[in-house]
PDB file of N, CA and C in Angstrom:
ATOM      1  N   MET A   1      92.312  90.512 105.211  1.00  0.00           N
ATOM      2  CA  MET A   1      90.741  91.425 104.572  1.00  0.00           C
ATOM      3  C   MET A   1      90.432  90.550 103.151  1.00  0.00           C
ATOM      4  N   ALA A   2      89.272  90.372 102.964  1.00  0.00           N
ATOM      5  CA  ALA A   2      88.619  89.821 101.898  1.00  0.00           C
ATOM      6  C   ALA A   2      89.197  90.464 100.649  1.00  0.00           C
ATOM      7  N   TYR A   3      89.406  89.316  99.452  1.00  0.00           N
ATOM      8  CA  TYR A   3      89.715  90.207  98.186  1.00  0.00           C
ATOM      9  C   TYR A   3      88.843  90.380  97.376  1.00  0.00           C
ATOM     10  N   GLN A   4      88.823  91.783  97.201  1.00  0.00           N
ATOM     11  CA  GLN A   4      87.852  92.361  96.259  1.00  0.00           C
ATOM     12  C   GLN A   4      88.193  93.280  95.310  1.00  0.00           C
ATOM     13  N   LYS A   5      88.106  92.725  93.793  1.00  0.00           N
ATOM     14  CA  LYS A   5      89.007  94.158  93.082  1.00  0.00           C
ATOM     15  C   LYS A   5      88.334  94.955  92.313  1.00  0.00           C
ATOM     16  N   TYR A   6      89.119  96.354  92.728  1.00  0.00           N
ATOM     17  CA  TYR A   6      88.826  97.182  92.965  1.00  0.00           C
ATOM     18  C   TYR A   6      87.556  97.883  91.795  1.00  0.00           C
ATOM     19  N   THR A   7      87.477  97.648  90.705  1.00  0.00           N
ATOM     20  CA  THR A   7      86.597  97.570  90.006  1.00  0.00           C
ATOM     21  C   THR A   7      85.668  97.195  90.086  1.00  0.00           C
ATOM     22  N   GLU A   8      85.297  95.929  91.251  1.00  0.00           N
ATOM     23  CA  GLU A   8      83.584  95.826  91.849  1.00  0.00           C
ATOM     24  C   GLU A   8      83.388  96.913  93.161  1.00  0.00           C
ATOM     25  N   LEU A   9      84.307  97.761  93.658  1.00  0.00           N
ATOM     26  CA  LEU A   9      84.131  98.426  94.875  1.00  0.00           C
ATOM     27  C   LEU A   9      82.889  99.651  94.241  1.00  0.00           C
ATOM     28  N   GLU A  10      81.841  99.734  94.569  1.00  0.00           N
ATOM     29  CA  GLU A  10      81.087 100.670  94.421  1.00  0.00           C
ATOM     30  C   GLU A  10      81.868 102.118  94.582  1.00  0.00           C
ATOM     31  N   VAL A  11      82.608 102.455  95.373  1.00  0.00           N
ATOM     32  CA  VAL A  11      83.026 103.692  95.639  1.00  0.00           C
ATOM     33  C   VAL A  11      84.208 104.195  94.268  1.00  0.00           C
ATOM     34  N   TRP A  12      84.385 103.039  93.449  1.00  0.00           N
ATOM     35  CA  TRP A  12      85.415 103.369  92.738  1.00  0.00           C
ATOM     36  C   TRP A  12      84.867 103.430  91.733  1.00  0.00           C
ATOM     37  N   LYS A  13      83.373 102.667  91.774  1.00  0.00           N
ATOM     38  CA  LYS A  13      82.978 103.019  89.900  1.00  0.00           C
ATOM     39  C   LYS A  13      82.271 104.545  90.254  1.00  0.00           C
ATOM     40  N   LYS A  14      81.528 104.638  91.447  1.00  0.00           N
ATOM     41  CA  LYS A  14      81.008 106.575  91.065  1.00  0.00           C
ATOM     42  C   LYS A  14      82.167 106.954  91.220  1.00  0.00           C
ATOM     43  N   ALA A  15      83.245 107.133  91.927  1.00  0.00           N
ATOM     44  CA  ALA A  15      84.896 108.139  91.489  1.00  0.00           C
ATOM     45  C   ALA A  15      84.861 108.269  90.284  1.00  0.00           C
ATOM     46  N   ARG A  16      85.137 107.388  89.169  1.00  0.00           N
ATOM     47  CA  ARG A  16      85.186 107.208  87.773  1.00  0.00           C
ATOM     48  C   ARG A  16      84.298 107.780  87.170  1.00  0.00           C
ATOM     49  N   ILE A  17      83.125 108.073  87.805  1.00  0.00           N
ATOM     50  CA  ILE A  17      81.718 108.597  86.939  1.00  0.00           C
ATOM     51  C   ILE A  17      82.202 109.931  87.183  1.00  0.00           C
ATOM     52  N   PHE A  18      82.219 110.265  88.364  1.00  0.00           N
ATOM     53  CA  PHE A  18      82.641 111.432  88.478  1.00  0.00           C
ATOM     54  C   PHE A  18      83.908 112.610  88.215  1.00  0.00           C
ATOM     55  N   THR A  19      84.426 111.492  87.167  1.00  0.00           N
ATOM     56  CA  THR A  19      85.710 112.151  86.857  1.00  0.00           C
ATOM     57  C   THR A  19      85.176 112.217  85.553  1.00  0.00           C
ATOM     58  N   ALA A  20      84.974 111.445  85.181  1.00  0.00           N
ATOM     59  CA  ALA A  20      84.284 112.229  83.558  1.00  0.00           C
ATOM     60  C   ALA A  20      83.554 112.963  83.652  1.00  0.00           C
ATOM     61  N   PHE A  21      82.772 113.161  84.764  1.00  0.00           N
ATOM     62  CA  PHE A  21      81.960 114.581  84.738  1.00  0.00           C
ATOM     63  C   PHE A  21      82.385 115.181  84.894  1.00  0.00           C
ATOM     64  N   ILE A  22      83.629 115.766  85.394  1.00  0.00           N
ATOM     65  CA  ILE A  22      84.625 117.207  85.991  1.00  0.00           C
ATOM     66  C   ILE A  22      85.251 117.276  84.508  1.00  0.00           C
ATOM     67  N   TYR A  23      85.690 116.037  83.711  1.00  0.00           N
ATOM     68  CA  TYR A  23      86.717 116.569  82.471  1.00  0.00           C
ATOM     69  C   TYR A  23      85.425 117.093  81.072  1.00  0.00           C
ATOM     70  N   LYS A  24      84.391 117.033  81.903  1.00  0.00           N
ATOM     71  CA  LYS A  24      83.264 117.029  80.424  1.00  0.00           C
ATOM     72  C   LYS A  24      83.163 118.706  80.918  1.00  0.00           C
ATOM     73  N   LEU A  25      82.501 119.012  82.817  1.00  0.00           N
ATOM     74  CA  LEU A  25      82.287 120.758  82.993  1.00  0.00           C
ATOM     75  C   LEU A  25      84.130 121.124  82.637  1.00  0.00           C
ATOM     76  N   THR A  26      84.605 120.660  83.175  1.00  0.00           N
ATOM     77  CA  THR A  26      85.614 121.428  82.738  1.00  0.00           C
ATOM     78  C   THR A  26      86.311 121.813  81.369  1.00  0.00           C
ATOM     79  N   ALA A  27      85.084 121.417  80.604  1.00  0.00           N
ATOM     80  CA  ALA A  27      85.488 121.867  78.587  1.00  0.00           C
ATOM     81  C   ALA A  27      85.442 122.856  78.616  1.00  0.00           C
ATOM     82  N   SER A  28      84.514 123.477  79.219  1.00  0.00           N
ATOM     83  CA  SER A  28      83.481 124.576  79.412  1.00  0.00           C
ATOM     84  C   SER A  28      84.622 125.787  79.565  1.00  0.00           C
ATOM     85  N   PHE A  29      85.361 125.602  80.169  1.00  0.00           N
ATOM     86  CA  PHE A  29      86.236 126.711  81.078  1.00  0.00           C
ATOM     87  C   PHE A  29      86.834 127.260  79.861  1.00  0.00           C
ATOM     88  N   PRO A  30      87.566 128.842  80.436  1.00  0.00           N
ATOM     89  CA  PRO A  30      88.103 129.234  79.272  1.00  0.00           C
ATOM     90  C   PRO A  30      89.713 128.548  79.125  1.00  0.00           C
ATOM     91  N   LYS A  31      90.112 128.805  77.529  1.00  0.00           N
ATOM     92  CA  LYS A  31      91.139 128.334  77.078  1.00  0.00           C
ATOM     93  C   LYS A  31      92.401 129.093  77.727  1.00  0.00           C
ATOM     94  N   GLU A  32      92.759 130.050  78.312  1.00  0.00           N
ATOM     95  CA  GLU A  32      93.644 130.184  78.934  1.00  0.00           C
ATOM     96  C   GLU A  32      93.742 129.532  80.933  1.00  0.00           C
ATOM     97  N   GLU A  33      92.981 128.726  80.978  1.00  0.00           N
ATOM     98  CA  GLU A  33      92.716 127.963  82.431  1.00  0.00           C
ATOM     99  C   GLU A  33      93.346 126.643  81.916  1.00  0.00           C
ATOM    100  N   ILE A  34      94.025 125.917  80.995  1.00  0.00           N
ATOM    101  CA  ILE A  34      93.794 124.727  80.701  1.00  0.00           C
ATOM    102  C   ILE A  34      95.152 124.254  81.313  1.00  0.00           C
ATOM    103  N   TYR A  35      95.809 125.096  81.769  1.00  0.00           N
ATOM    104  CA  TYR A  35      97.594 124.852  82.654  1.00  0.00           C
ATOM    105  C   TYR A  35      97.127 125.487  83.827  1.00  0.00           C
ATOM    106  N   GLY A  36      96.130 125.947  83.954  1.00  0.00           N
ATOM    107  CA  GLY A  36      95.743 126.446  85.374  1.00  0.00           C
ATOM    108  C   GLY A  36      94.501 125.591  86.228  1.00  0.00           C
ATOM    109  N   LEU A  37      93.634 126.320  86.736  1.00  0.00           N
ATOM    110  CA  LEU A  37      92.849 125.572  87.167  1.00  0.00           C
ATOM    111  C   LEU A  37      92.153 124.158  86.890  1.00  0.00           C
ATOM    112  N   VAL A  38      91.979 124.340  85.345  1.00  0.00           N
ATOM    113  CA  VAL A  38      91.054 123.368  84.668  1.00  0.00           C
ATOM    114  C   VAL A  38      92.486 122.233  84.755  1.00  0.00           C
ATOM    115  N   SER A  39      93.925 122.270  84.917  1.00  0.00           N
ATOM    116  CA  SER A  39      94.605 120.810  85.014  1.00  0.00           C
ATOM    117  C   SER A  39      94.634 120.297  86.663  1.00  0.00           C
ATOM    118  N   GLN A  40      94.515 121.519  87.294  1.00  0.00           N
ATOM    119  CA  GLN A  40      94.671 121.281  88.827  1.00  0.00           C
ATOM    120  C   GLN A  40      93.464 119.989  89.294  1.00  0.00           C
ATOM    121  N   ILE A  41      91.736 120.940  88.768  1.00  0.00           N
ATOM    122  CA  ILE A  41      90.821 120.037  88.733  1.00  0.00           C
ATOM    123  C   ILE A  41      90.768 119.120  88.736  1.00  0.00           C
ATOM    124  N   ARG A  42      91.244 118.795  86.933  1.00  0.00           N
ATOM    125  CA  ARG A  42      91.332 116.943  86.860  1.00  0.00           C
ATOM    126  C   ARG A  42      92.148 116.032  87.427  1.00  0.00           C
ATOM    127  N   ARG A  43      93.396 116.877  87.427  1.00  0.00           N
ATOM    128  CA  ARG A  43      94.258 116.019  88.805  1.00  0.00           C
ATOM    129  C   ARG A  43      93.640 115.270  89.730  1.00  0.00           C
ATOM    130  N   CYS A  44      93.305 116.499  90.755  1.00  0.00           N
ATOM    131  CA  CYS A  44      92.151 116.054  91.739  1.00  0.00           C
ATOM    132  C   CYS A  44      91.440 114.498  91.324  1.00  0.00           C
ATOM    133  N   ALA A  45      90.791 115.334  90.565  1.00  0.00           N
ATOM    134  CA  ALA A  45      89.518 113.934  89.854  1.00  0.00           C
ATOM    135  C   ALA A  45      89.686 113.041  89.802  1.00  0.00           C
ATOM    136  N   VAL A  46      91.300 113.285  88.808  1.00  0.00           N
ATOM    137  CA  VAL A  46      91.535 111.539  88.839  1.00  0.00           C
ATOM    138  C   VAL A  46      92.017 110.826  90.117  1.00  0.00           C
ATOM    139  N   SER A  47      92.952 111.589  90.982  1.00  0.00           N
ATOM    140  CA  SER A  47      93.675 110.964  91.698  1.00  0.00           C
ATOM    141  C   SER A  47      92.516 110.118  92.740  1.00  0.00           C
ATOM    142  N   VAL A  48      91.620 110.671  92.861  1.00  0.00           N
ATOM    143  CA  VAL A  48      90.403 109.624  93.726  1.00  0.00           C
ATOM    144  C   VAL A  48      90.041 108.487  93.212  1.00  0.00           C
ATOM    145  N   PRO A  49      89.217 108.053  92.101  1.00  0.00           N
ATOM    146  CA  PRO A  49      90.030 106.781  91.912  1.00  0.00           C
ATOM    147  C   PRO A  49      90.976 105.963  91.890  1.00  0.00           C
ATOM    148  N   SER A  50      92.166 106.805  91.084  1.00  0.00           N
ATOM    149  CA  SER A  50      93.424 106.188  90.946  1.00  0.00           C
ATOM    150  C   SER A  50      93.648 106.041  92.635  1.00  0.00           C
ATOM    151  N   ASN A  51      93.837 106.510  93.734  1.00  0.00           N
ATOM    152  CA  ASN A  51      93.872 105.881  94.895  1.00  0.00           C
ATOM    153  C   ASN A  51      93.186 105.217  95.878  1.00  0.00           C
ATOM    154  N   ILE A  52      91.738 104.777  95.656  1.00  0.00           N
ATOM    155  CA  ILE A  52      91.346 103.956  95.404  1.00  0.00           C
ATOM    156  C   ILE A  52      92.029 102.325  94.814  1.00  0.00           C
ATOM    157  N   ALA A  53      92.300 102.433  93.787  1.00  0.00           N
ATOM    158  CA  ALA A  53      92.796 101.367  92.935  1.00  0.00           C
ATOM    159  C   ALA A  53      93.751 100.907  93.959  1.00  0.00           C
ATOM    160  N   GLU A  54      95.125 102.166  94.027  1.00  0.00           N
ATOM    161  CA  GLU A  54      96.091 101.729  94.344  1.00  0.00           C
ATOM    162  C   GLU A  54      96.303 101.124  95.812  1.00  0.00           C
ATOM    163  N   GLY A  55      95.145 101.671  96.697  1.00  0.00           N
ATOM    164  CA  GLY A  55      94.542 101.223  98.037  1.00  0.00           C
ATOM    165  C   GLY A  55      94.437  99.750  98.063  1.00  0.00           C
ATOM    166  N   SER A  56      94.202  99.750  97.360  1.00  0.00           N
ATOM    167  CA  SER A  56      92.899  98.758  96.676  1.00  0.00           C
ATOM    168  C   SER A  56      94.017  97.251  96.725  1.00  0.00           C
ATOM    169  N   GLY A  57      95.387  97.875  96.373  1.00  0.00           N
ATOM    170  CA  GLY A  57      96.037  96.953  95.622  1.00  0.00           C
ATOM    171  C   GLY A  57      97.059  96.382  96.880  1.00  0.00           C
ATOM    172  N   ARG A  58      96.752  97.394  98.000  1.00  0.00           N
ATOM    173  CA  ARG A  58      97.827  96.793  99.360  1.00  0.00           C
ATOM    174  C   ARG A  58      97.823  95.476  99.772  1.00  0.00           C
ATOM    175  N   GLN A  59      98.575  95.167 100.842  1.00  0.00           N
ATOM    176  CA  GLN A  59      98.276  93.698 101.728  1.00  0.00           C
ATOM    177  C   GLN A  59      97.738  93.599 102.663  1.00  0.00           C
ATOM    178  N   HIS A  60      97.768  95.246 103.386  1.00  0.00           N
ATOM    179  CA  HIS A  60      97.276  95.283 104.787  1.00  0.00           C
ATOM    180  C   HIS A  60      95.945  96.376 104.560  1.00  0.00           C
ATOM    181  N   PRO A  61      94.616  96.661 105.472  1.00  0.00           N
ATOM    182  CA  PRO A  61      94.173  97.168 105.278  1.00  0.00           C
ATOM    183  C   PRO A  61      94.471  98.978 105.779  1.00  0.00           C
ATOM    184  N   LYS A  62      95.427  98.690 106.838  1.00  0.00           N
ATOM    185  CA  LYS A  62      96.203 100.096 107.130  1.00  0.00           C
ATOM    186  C   LYS A  62      96.840 100.748 105.776  1.00  0.00           C
ATOM    187  N   GLU A  63      97.423  99.967 104.923  1.00  0.00           N
ATOM    188  CA  GLU A  63      98.085 100.857 103.816  1.00  0.00           C
ATOM    189  C   GLU A  63      97.005 101.173 102.984  1.00  0.00           C
ATOM    190  N   THR A  64      95.669 100.614 103.135  1.00  0.00           N
ATOM    191  CA  THR A  64      94.711 100.602 102.059  1.00  0.00           C
ATOM    192  C   THR A  64      93.842 102.166 102.532  1.00  0.00           C
ATOM    193  N   ILE A  65      93.808 101.984 103.680  1.00  0.00           N
ATOM    194  CA  ILE A  65      92.587 102.953 104.552  1.00  0.00           C
ATOM    195  C   ILE A  65      93.658 104.609 104.497  1.00  0.00           C
ATOM    196  N   GLN A  66      95.292 104.159 104.307  1.00  0.00           N
ATOM    197  CA  GLN A  66      95.898 105.258 103.712  1.00  0.00           C
ATOM    198  C   GLN A  66      95.963 106.211 102.559  1.00  0.00           C
ATOM    199  N   PHE A  67      95.526 105.034 101.363  1.00  0.00           N
ATOM    200  CA  PHE A  67      95.369 105.920 100.087  1.00  0.00           C
ATOM    201  C   PHE A  67      93.784 106.470  99.637  1.00  0.00           C
ATOM    202  N   LEU A  68      92.842 105.837 101.179  1.00  0.00           N
ATOM    203  CA  LEU A  68      91.792 106.328 101.125  1.00  0.00           C
ATOM    204  C   LEU A  68      91.499 107.553 101.862  1.00  0.00           C
ATOM    205  N   ALA A  69      92.542 107.939 102.190  1.00  0.00           N
ATOM    206  CA  ALA A  69      92.516 109.022 102.784  1.00  0.00           C
ATOM    207  C   ALA A  69      93.182 110.083 101.964  1.00  0.00           C
ATOM    208  N   ILE A  70      94.068 109.424 101.152  1.00  0.00           N
ATOM    209  CA  ILE A  70      94.738 110.815 100.073  1.00  0.00           C
ATOM    210  C   ILE A  70      93.494 110.429  98.958  1.00  0.00           C
ATOM    211  N   ALA A  71      92.931 109.536  99.027  1.00  0.00           N
ATOM    212  CA  ALA A  71      91.442 109.727  97.637  1.00  0.00           C
ATOM    213  C   ALA A  71      90.784 110.882  98.313  1.00  0.00           C
ATOM    214  N   ARG A  72      90.247 110.722 100.062  1.00  0.00           N
ATOM    215  CA  ARG A  72      89.041 111.843 100.261  1.00  0.00           C
ATOM    216  C   ARG A  72      89.932 113.125 100.509  1.00  0.00           C
ATOM    217  N   GLY A  73      91.161 113.690 100.580  1.00  0.00           N
ATOM    218  CA  GLY A  73      92.249 114.649 100.431  1.00  0.00           C
ATOM    219  C   GLY A  73      91.671 115.034  99.201  1.00  0.00           C
ATOM    220  N   SER A  74      92.296 114.530  98.084  1.00  0.00           N
ATOM    221  CA  SER A  74      91.589 114.813  97.103  1.00  0.00           C
ATOM    222  C   SER A  74      90.382 115.320  96.321  1.00  0.00           C
ATOM    223  N   LEU A  75      89.550 114.636  96.731  1.00  0.00           N
ATOM    224  CA  LEU A  75      88.326 115.141  97.151  1.00  0.00           C
ATOM    225  C   LEU A  75      87.753 116.316  97.197  1.00  0.00           C
ATOM    226  N   TYR A  76      88.614 116.770  98.471  1.00  0.00           N
ATOM    227  CA  TYR A  76      88.282 118.387  99.309  1.00  0.00           C
ATOM    228  C   TYR A  76      88.816 119.240  98.423  1.00  0.00           C
ATOM    229  N   GLU A  77      90.598 119.097  98.054  1.00  0.00           N
ATOM    230  CA  GLU A  77      90.795 119.402  97.379  1.00  0.00           C
ATOM    231  C   GLU A  77      90.390 120.418  95.897  1.00  0.00           C
ATOM    232  N   LEU A  78      89.636 118.880  95.345  1.00  0.00           N
ATOM    233  CA  LEU A  78      88.438 119.137  94.241  1.00  0.00           C
ATOM    234  C   LEU A  78      87.724 120.357  94.370  1.00  0.00           C
ATOM    235  N   GLU A  79      86.873 120.147  95.670  1.00  0.00           N
ATOM    236  CA  GLU A  79      86.162 120.715  95.966  1.00  0.00           C
ATOM    237  C   GLU A  79      86.023 122.156  96.596  1.00  0.00           C
ATOM    238  N   THR A  80      87.092 122.544  96.915  1.00  0.00           N
ATOM    239  CA  THR A  80      87.453 124.011  97.046  1.00  0.00           C
ATOM    240  C   THR A  80      88.047 124.865  95.563  1.00  0.00           C
ATOM    241  N   HIS A  81      88.465 124.024  94.529  1.00  0.00           N
ATOM    242  CA  HIS A  81      88.335 123.962  93.371  1.00  0.00           C
ATOM    243  C   HIS A  81      87.209 124.435  92.787  1.00  0.00           C
ATOM    244  N   ILE A  82      86.095 123.768  92.691  1.00  0.00           N
ATOM    245  CA  ILE A  82      84.992 123.810  91.885  1.00  0.00           C
ATOM    246  C   ILE A  82      84.404 125.221  92.764  1.00  0.00           C
ATOM    247  N   TYR A  83      84.042 125.534  94.318  1.00  0.00           N
ATOM    248  CA  TYR A  83      83.989 126.987  94.692  1.00  0.00           C
ATOM    249  C   TYR A  83      84.494 127.989  94.153  1.00  0.00           C
ATOM    250  N   VAL A  84      85.919 128.172  94.158  1.00  0.00           N
ATOM    251  CA  VAL A  84      86.591 128.481  92.989  1.00  0.00           C
ATOM    252  C   VAL A  84      86.579 129.075  92.002  1.00  0.00           C
ATOM    253  N   SER A  85      85.962 128.182  91.182  1.00  0.00           N
ATOM    254  CA  SER A  85      85.221 128.251  89.868  1.00  0.00           C
ATOM    255  C   SER A  85      83.718 128.870  89.502  1.00  0.00           C
ATOM    256  N   PHE A  86      83.735 128.579  90.728  1.00  0.00           N
ATOM    257  CA  PHE A  86      81.942 128.739  90.986  1.00  0.00           C
ATOM    258  C   PHE A  86      82.126 131.150  91.283  1.00  0.00           C
ATOM    259  N   ASP A  87      82.893 131.089  92.507  1.00  0.00           N
ATOM    260  CA  ASP A  87      83.214 132.603  92.757  1.00  0.00           C
ATOM    261  C   ASP A  87      83.748 133.519  91.361  1.00  0.00           C
ATOM    262  N   ILE A  88      84.347 132.650  90.933  1.00  0.00           N
ATOM    263  CA  ILE A  88      85.081 133.409  89.453  1.00  0.00           C
ATOM    264  C   ILE A  88      83.888 133.082  88.412  1.00  0.00           C
ATOM    265  N   GLY A  89      82.748 132.378  88.766  1.00  0.00           N
ATOM    266  CA  GLY A  89      81.920 132.432  87.313  1.00  0.00           C
ATOM    267  C   GLY A  89      82.233 131.630  86.247  1.00  0.00           C
ATOM    268  N   PHE A  90      82.946 130.849  86.483  1.00  0.00           N
ATOM    269  CA  PHE A  90      83.014 129.480  85.613  1.00  0.00           C
ATOM    270  C   PHE A  90      82.248 128.294  85.320  1.00  0.00           C
ATOM    271  N   VAL A  91      81.275 128.475  86.717  1.00  0.00           N
ATOM    272  CA  VAL A  91      80.576 126.965  86.336  1.00  0.00           C
ATOM    273  C   VAL A  91      79.356 128.236  87.559  1.00  0.00           C
ATOM    274  N   SER A  92      78.260 127.608  86.666  1.00  0.00           N
ATOM    275  CA  SER A  92      76.994 127.878  87.138  1.00  0.00           C
ATOM    276  C   SER A  92      76.324 127.679  88.776  1.00  0.00           C
ATOM    277  N   GLU A  93      75.723 128.182  89.619  1.00  0.00           N
ATOM    278  CA  GLU A  93      75.019 127.771  91.144  1.00  0.00           C
ATOM    279  C   GLU A  93      74.615 126.132  90.982  1.00  0.00           C
ATOM    280  N   LEU A  94      74.129 125.947  89.250  1.00  0.00           N
ATOM    281  CA  LEU A  94      73.467 124.635  89.804  1.00  0.00           C
ATOM    282  C   LEU A  94      74.350 123.573  89.243  1.00  0.00           C
ATOM    283  N   GLN A  95      75.447 124.005  88.582  1.00  0.00           N
ATOM    284  CA  GLN A  95      76.436 123.231  88.248  1.00  0.00           C
ATOM    285  C   GLN A  95      77.724 122.917  89.611  1.00  0.00           C
ATOM    286  N   LEU A  96      77.599 124.094  90.524  1.00  0.00           N
ATOM    287  CA  LEU A  96      77.970 124.082  91.636  1.00  0.00           C
ATOM    288  C   LEU A  96      77.408 123.093  92.543  1.00  0.00           C
ATOM    289  N   ASN A  97      75.907 122.854  92.532  1.00  0.00           N
ATOM    290  CA  ASN A  97      75.157 122.137  93.572  1.00  0.00           C
ATOM    291  C   ASN A  97      75.120 120.484  93.416  1.00  0.00           C
ATOM    292  N   ASP A  98      75.429 120.593  91.702  1.00  0.00           N
ATOM    293  CA  ASP A  98      75.595 119.190  91.501  1.00  0.00           C
ATOM    294  C   ASP A  98      77.048 118.430  91.982  1.00  0.00           C
ATOM    295  N   CYS A  99      77.794 119.258  91.305  1.00  0.00           N
ATOM    296  CA  CYS A  99      78.560 118.512  92.136  1.00  0.00           C
ATOM    297  C   CYS A  99      79.508 118.426  93.541  1.00  0.00           C
ATOM    298  N   LEU A 100      78.757 119.547  94.143  1.00  0.00           N
ATOM    299  CA  LEU A 100      78.969 119.113  95.707  1.00  0.00           C
ATOM    300  C   LEU A 100      77.669 117.884  96.443  1.00  0.00           C
ATOM    301  N   SER A 101      77.072 117.804  95.046  1.00  0.00           N
ATOM    302  CA  SER A 101      75.981 116.792  96.114  1.00  0.00           C
ATOM    303  C   SER A 101      76.771 115.059  95.383  1.00  0.00           C
ATOM    304  N   GLN A 102      77.568 115.556  94.567  1.00  0.00           N
ATOM    305  CA  GLN A 102      78.863 114.643  93.722  1.00  0.00           C
ATOM    306  C   GLN A 102      79.074 113.483  94.790  1.00  0.00           C
ATOM    307  N   ILE A 103      80.111 114.969  95.727  1.00  0.00           N
ATOM    308  CA  ILE A 103      81.747 115.199  96.201  1.00  0.00           C
ATOM    309  C   ILE A 103      80.725 114.329  97.549  1.00  0.00           C
ATOM    310  N   GLU A 104      79.979 115.390  98.300  1.00  0.00           N
ATOM    311  CA  GLU A 104      79.463 114.560  99.187  1.00  0.00           C
ATOM    312  C   GLU A 104      79.082 113.101  99.013  1.00  0.00           C
ATOM    313  N   VAL A 105      78.412 113.006  98.152  1.00  0.00           N
ATOM    314  CA  VAL A 105      78.413 111.264  97.905  1.00  0.00           C
ATOM    315  C   VAL A 105      79.436 110.190  97.822  1.00  0.00           C
ATOM    316  N   LEU A 106      80.426 110.817  97.556  1.00  0.00           N
ATOM    317  CA  LEU A 106      81.761 109.899  97.547  1.00  0.00           C
ATOM    318  C   LEU A 106      82.381 110.043  98.626  1.00  0.00           C
ATOM    319  N   GLY A 107      82.270 111.136  99.195  1.00  0.00           N
ATOM    320  CA  GLY A 107      83.093 110.982 100.434  1.00  0.00           C
ATOM    321  C   GLY A 107      82.472 110.456 101.644  1.00  0.00           C
ATOM    322  N   LYS A 108      81.329 110.035 101.309  1.00  0.00           N
ATOM    323  CA  LYS A 108      80.703 109.310 102.364  1.00  0.00           C
ATOM    324  C   LYS A 108      80.356 107.823 102.330  1.00  0.00           C
ATOM    325  N   LEU A 109      80.702 107.519 100.832  1.00  0.00           N
ATOM    326  CA  LEU A 109      81.270 105.942 100.186  1.00  0.00           C
ATOM    327  C   LEU A 109      82.993 105.824 100.704  1.00  0.00           C
ATOM    328  N   ILE A 110      83.352 107.165 100.582  1.00  0.00           N
ATOM    329  CA  ILE A 110      85.133 106.512 100.953  1.00  0.00           C
ATOM    330  C   ILE A 110      85.141 106.370 102.903  1.00  0.00           C
ATOM    331  N   ASN A 111      84.159 107.219 103.563  1.00  0.00           N
ATOM    332  CA  ASN A 111      84.507 107.241 105.074  1.00  0.00           C
ATOM    333  C   ASN A 111      83.419 105.422 105.056  1.00  0.00           C
ATOM    334  N   GLY A 112      83.294 105.103 104.733  1.00  0.00           N
ATOM    335  CA  GLY A 112      82.420 104.037 104.410  1.00  0.00           C
ATOM    336  C   GLY A 112      83.344 102.861 104.852  1.00  0.00           C
ATOM    337  N   TYR A 113      83.829 102.978 103.678  1.00  0.00           N
ATOM    338  CA  TYR A 113      84.969 102.246 103.676  1.00  0.00           C
ATOM    339  C   TYR A 113      86.171 102.145 104.591  1.00  0.00           C
ATOM    340  N   ILE A 114      86.368 103.128 104.600  1.00  0.00           N
ATOM    341  CA  ILE A 114      87.458 103.328 105.574  1.00  0.00           C
ATOM    342  C   ILE A 114      86.895 102.527 107.090  1.00  0.00           C
ATOM    343  N   ARG A 115      85.804 103.198 107.429  1.00  0.00           N
ATOM    344  CA  ARG A 115      85.244 102.217 108.442  1.00  0.00           C
ATOM    345  C   ARG A 115      84.846 100.659 108.463  1.00  0.00           C
ATOM    346  N   PHE A 116      84.651 100.517 107.480  1.00  0.00           N
ATOM    347  CA  PHE A 116      84.745  99.034 107.234  1.00  0.00           C
ATOM    348  C   PHE A 116      85.937  98.192 107.122  1.00  0.00           C
ATOM    349  N   LEU A 117      86.863  98.810 107.061  1.00  0.00           N
ATOM    350  CA  LEU A 117      88.686  98.476 106.658  1.00  0.00           C
ATOM    351  C   LEU A 117      89.330  98.418 108.822  1.00  0.00           C
ATOM    352  N   ASN A 118      88.813  99.615 109.013  1.00  0.00           N
ATOM    353  CA  ASN A 118      88.798  99.427 110.508  1.00  0.00           C
ATOM    354  C   ASN A 118      88.588  98.422 111.175  1.00  0.00           C
ATOM    355  N   LYS A 119      87.214  97.405 110.835  1.00  0.00           N
ATOM    356  CA  LYS A 119      86.569  96.899 111.604  1.00  0.00           C
ATOM    357  C   LYS A 119      87.835  95.830 111.431  1.00  0.00           C
ATOM    358  N   GLU A 120      88.013  95.425 110.527  1.00  0.00           N
ATOM    359  CA  GLU A 120      88.771  94.187 110.015  1.00  0.00           C
ATOM    360  C   GLU A 120      89.662  93.946 111.008  1.00  0.00           C
TER     361      GLU A 120
END
């Protein structure tokens, strides 16, 4: 596998930007959710770039793919939390659609990186 520092990966960069977006979005949630939904959402968001980074530090593509799959799982979990947040009125339809759009892009980037690594 050709070495590329994880901080140079487009998928990691976009995941990091999305994480910051999620932190700002959840800052407006009710204070009683700080240890509930807000914590869950933020942990999922941080998990995505973290697992991309950790996977990039592995020596074999199969190990990297395993961590990318975990990142993708966290992304889907986050998507569910965003839907729930919309259902209970914590995010607007505009915010929901913005999140879903960014999640779709990230999912495609993760899947593309997995496909790339599977070819090696």
